[in-house]
N, C-alpha and C. Protein backbone atom coordinates (compact mmCIF):
# COMPACT_ATOMS: atom_id res chain seq x y z
N MET A 1 8.28 -10.16 -19.73
CA MET A 1 8.77 -9.03 -19.85
C MET A 1 7.51 -8.00 -20.36
N HIS A 2 7.38 -7.05 -19.64
CA HIS A 2 6.42 -6.05 -19.83
C HIS A 2 6.97 -4.93 -19.92
N ASP A 3 6.73 -3.91 -21.12
CA ASP A 3 7.33 -3.09 -21.56
C ASP A 3 6.33 -1.86 -21.62
N PHE A 4 6.32 -0.67 -20.73
CA PHE A 4 5.72 0.28 -20.77
C PHE A 4 6.22 1.91 -21.01
N HIS A 5 5.24 2.48 -21.40
CA HIS A 5 5.65 4.06 -21.90
C HIS A 5 4.86 4.68 -20.60
N ILE A 6 5.53 5.72 -19.70
CA ILE A 6 5.12 6.34 -18.63
C ILE A 6 5.51 7.68 -19.06
N LEU A 7 4.76 8.76 -19.43
CA LEU A 7 4.70 9.98 -19.91
C LEU A 7 5.51 11.02 -18.80
N GLY A 8 4.92 10.69 -17.32
CA GLY A 8 5.43 11.12 -16.30
C GLY A 8 6.69 11.01 -15.62
N MET A 9 7.30 10.30 -16.23
CA MET A 9 8.52 9.92 -15.41
C MET A 9 9.61 10.60 -16.48
N THR A 10 9.85 11.88 -15.67
CA THR A 10 10.97 12.58 -16.30
C THR A 10 12.44 12.59 -15.68
N CYS A 11 12.75 12.14 -14.36
CA CYS A 11 13.96 11.90 -14.00
C CYS A 11 14.02 10.86 -13.09
N GLY A 12 15.39 10.86 -12.50
CA GLY A 12 15.76 9.61 -11.89
C GLY A 12 14.77 9.31 -10.39
N GLY A 13 14.49 10.45 -9.94
CA GLY A 13 13.62 10.39 -8.79
C GLY A 13 12.48 9.64 -9.20
N CYS A 14 11.92 9.95 -10.24
CA CYS A 14 10.43 9.40 -10.88
C CYS A 14 10.70 8.05 -10.77
N PHE A 15 11.92 7.44 -11.55
CA PHE A 15 12.32 6.08 -11.72
C PHE A 15 12.20 5.04 -10.55
N GLY A 16 12.70 6.33 -9.66
CA GLY A 16 12.92 5.34 -8.27
C GLY A 16 11.47 4.91 -7.64
N ALA A 17 10.72 6.07 -7.85
CA ALA A 17 9.06 5.71 -7.31
C ALA A 17 8.43 4.64 -7.99
N VAL A 18 8.67 4.62 -9.26
CA VAL A 18 7.97 3.80 -10.16
C VAL A 18 8.68 2.33 -10.16
N THR A 19 10.13 2.31 -9.57
CA THR A 19 10.52 1.23 -9.04
C THR A 19 9.88 0.33 -7.85
N ARG A 20 9.91 1.44 -6.89
CA ARG A 20 9.32 1.05 -5.55
C ARG A 20 7.80 0.48 -5.53
N ALA A 21 7.13 1.05 -6.40
CA ALA A 21 5.68 0.85 -6.16
C ALA A 21 5.61 -0.68 -6.67
N ILE A 22 6.45 -0.81 -8.09
CA ILE A 22 6.33 -2.18 -8.53
C ILE A 22 7.00 -3.34 -7.79
N GLN A 23 7.86 -2.93 -6.84
CA GLN A 23 8.64 -3.77 -5.87
C GLN A 23 7.80 -4.26 -4.72
N GLN A 24 7.05 -3.07 -4.32
CA GLN A 24 6.10 -3.13 -3.26
C GLN A 24 5.10 -4.38 -3.31
N LEU A 25 4.54 -4.24 -4.79
CA LEU A 25 3.65 -5.65 -5.49
C LEU A 25 4.60 -6.99 -5.12
N ASP A 26 5.45 -6.74 -6.16
CA ASP A 26 6.42 -7.78 -6.28
C ASP A 26 8.01 -7.78 -6.00
N PRO A 27 8.20 -8.05 -4.91
CA PRO A 27 9.60 -7.69 -4.44
C PRO A 27 10.39 -8.14 -5.34
N GLN A 28 10.16 -9.30 -6.22
CA GLN A 28 11.38 -9.92 -6.86
C GLN A 28 11.36 -9.53 -8.55
N ALA A 29 10.51 -8.35 -8.76
CA ALA A 29 10.61 -7.95 -10.18
C ALA A 29 11.64 -7.15 -10.34
N LYS A 30 12.09 -7.36 -11.74
CA LYS A 30 13.34 -6.30 -12.13
C LYS A 30 12.71 -5.14 -12.88
N VAL A 31 13.11 -3.99 -12.70
CA VAL A 31 12.93 -2.99 -13.36
C VAL A 31 13.76 -2.40 -14.00
N GLU A 32 13.84 -1.93 -15.42
CA GLU A 32 15.17 -1.30 -16.19
C GLU A 32 14.10 -0.37 -16.48
N GLY A 33 15.23 1.07 -17.01
CA GLY A 33 14.70 2.14 -16.92
C GLY A 33 15.30 3.00 -18.21
N ASP A 34 14.61 3.71 -19.14
CA ASP A 34 15.15 4.60 -20.40
C ASP A 34 14.34 5.59 -20.22
N LEU A 35 15.14 6.62 -19.34
CA LEU A 35 14.44 8.04 -19.12
C LEU A 35 14.27 8.95 -20.20
N GLU A 36 15.21 8.68 -20.74
CA GLU A 36 15.30 9.78 -22.25
C GLU A 36 13.77 9.35 -23.07
N ASN A 37 13.47 8.00 -23.25
CA ASN A 37 12.38 7.94 -23.81
C ASN A 37 11.22 7.39 -23.05
N ARG A 38 11.19 7.60 -21.84
CA ARG A 38 10.11 7.21 -20.58
C ARG A 38 9.64 6.05 -20.50
N ARG A 39 10.31 5.18 -20.76
CA ARG A 39 10.18 3.62 -20.92
C ARG A 39 10.66 2.85 -19.82
N ILE A 40 10.00 1.78 -19.58
CA ILE A 40 10.26 0.81 -18.36
C ILE A 40 10.30 -0.40 -19.11
N ALA A 41 11.16 -1.37 -18.42
CA ALA A 41 10.81 -2.89 -18.88
C ALA A 41 10.49 -3.60 -17.62
N VAL A 42 9.65 -4.21 -17.29
CA VAL A 42 9.58 -5.20 -16.21
C VAL A 42 9.57 -6.50 -16.27
N ALA A 43 10.43 -7.01 -15.54
CA ALA A 43 10.77 -8.65 -15.54
C ALA A 43 10.01 -9.15 -14.55
N SER A 44 8.39 -9.56 -14.64
CA SER A 44 7.45 -10.10 -13.30
C SER A 44 6.32 -10.83 -13.94
N ASP A 45 6.37 -11.73 -12.88
CA ASP A 45 5.01 -12.90 -13.30
C ASP A 45 3.70 -12.01 -13.03
N THR A 46 3.64 -10.87 -12.65
CA THR A 46 2.27 -10.17 -12.27
C THR A 46 1.50 -9.66 -13.39
N SER A 47 0.73 -9.72 -13.90
CA SER A 47 0.06 -9.34 -14.85
C SER A 47 0.13 -8.10 -15.28
N GLU A 48 -0.26 -7.54 -16.79
CA GLU A 48 0.26 -6.38 -17.04
C GLU A 48 -1.13 -5.23 -16.40
N GLU A 49 -2.18 -5.66 -16.47
CA GLU A 49 -3.51 -4.89 -16.03
C GLU A 49 -2.99 -4.60 -14.51
N THR A 50 -2.32 -5.23 -13.66
CA THR A 50 -1.83 -5.23 -12.22
C THR A 50 -1.08 -4.05 -12.28
N LEU A 51 0.14 -4.61 -13.07
CA LEU A 51 1.27 -3.49 -13.01
C LEU A 51 0.77 -2.00 -13.17
N ARG A 52 -0.11 -2.35 -14.65
CA ARG A 52 -0.54 -0.84 -14.72
C ARG A 52 -1.74 0.13 -13.60
N ALA A 53 -2.28 -0.75 -13.04
CA ALA A 53 -3.17 -0.31 -11.79
C ALA A 53 -2.34 0.37 -10.63
N VAL A 54 -1.03 -0.41 -10.42
CA VAL A 54 -0.19 -0.04 -9.31
C VAL A 54 0.53 1.44 -9.62
N LEU A 55 0.86 1.34 -11.19
CA LEU A 55 1.63 2.49 -11.48
C LEU A 55 0.53 3.79 -11.43
N GLU A 56 -0.52 3.57 -12.07
CA GLU A 56 -1.86 4.71 -11.83
C GLU A 56 -1.82 5.07 -10.34
N ARG A 57 -1.96 4.20 -9.41
CA ARG A 57 -2.06 4.73 -8.21
C ARG A 57 -0.43 5.51 -7.65
N ALA A 58 0.14 5.24 -7.93
CA ALA A 58 1.66 5.88 -7.62
C ALA A 58 1.74 7.33 -8.37
N GLY A 59 0.80 7.36 -9.37
CA GLY A 59 0.87 8.72 -9.84
C GLY A 59 1.58 8.43 -11.29
N TYR A 60 1.63 7.58 -11.79
CA TYR A 60 2.77 7.57 -13.15
C TYR A 60 1.67 6.51 -14.10
N PRO A 61 0.51 6.90 -14.57
CA PRO A 61 0.01 6.20 -15.53
C PRO A 61 0.64 5.57 -16.52
N ALA A 62 0.61 4.64 -17.11
CA ALA A 62 1.46 3.77 -17.89
C ALA A 62 0.48 3.20 -19.18
N GLU A 63 1.36 3.37 -20.33
CA GLU A 63 0.62 2.72 -21.40
C GLU A 63 1.20 1.55 -21.92
N PRO A 64 0.93 0.29 -22.32
CA PRO A 64 2.01 -0.52 -22.79
C PRO A 64 2.68 0.02 -23.97
N HIS A 65 4.08 -0.01 -24.10
CA HIS A 65 4.73 0.56 -25.16
C HIS A 65 4.01 -0.02 -26.55
N SER A 66 3.94 -1.31 -26.97
CA SER A 66 3.57 -1.64 -28.04
C SER A 66 1.99 -1.04 -28.66
N THR A 67 1.43 -0.24 -27.75
CA THR A 67 0.39 0.34 -28.40
C THR A 67 0.84 1.64 -29.23
N LEU A 68 2.07 2.03 -28.63
CA LEU A 68 2.29 3.51 -29.23
C LEU A 68 3.02 3.63 -30.72
N ARG A 69 3.07 2.09 -31.34
CA ARG A 69 4.17 2.16 -32.51
C ARG A 69 3.02 2.69 -33.49
């Protein structure tokens, strides 16, 4: 499970775009979102680095949530 903070994710449309970007890479990925805190949890075997690169290309740069503590 990967946990990310995405500052630019401010609405349901943003969450949908984030989810689509991840699922284009890994169609089996499960993505859960917390819009209020701008966080997502991703269940995928894809590496964190690869997921972050995909999110960056989609316009939603992400930081691992654990680095924000």
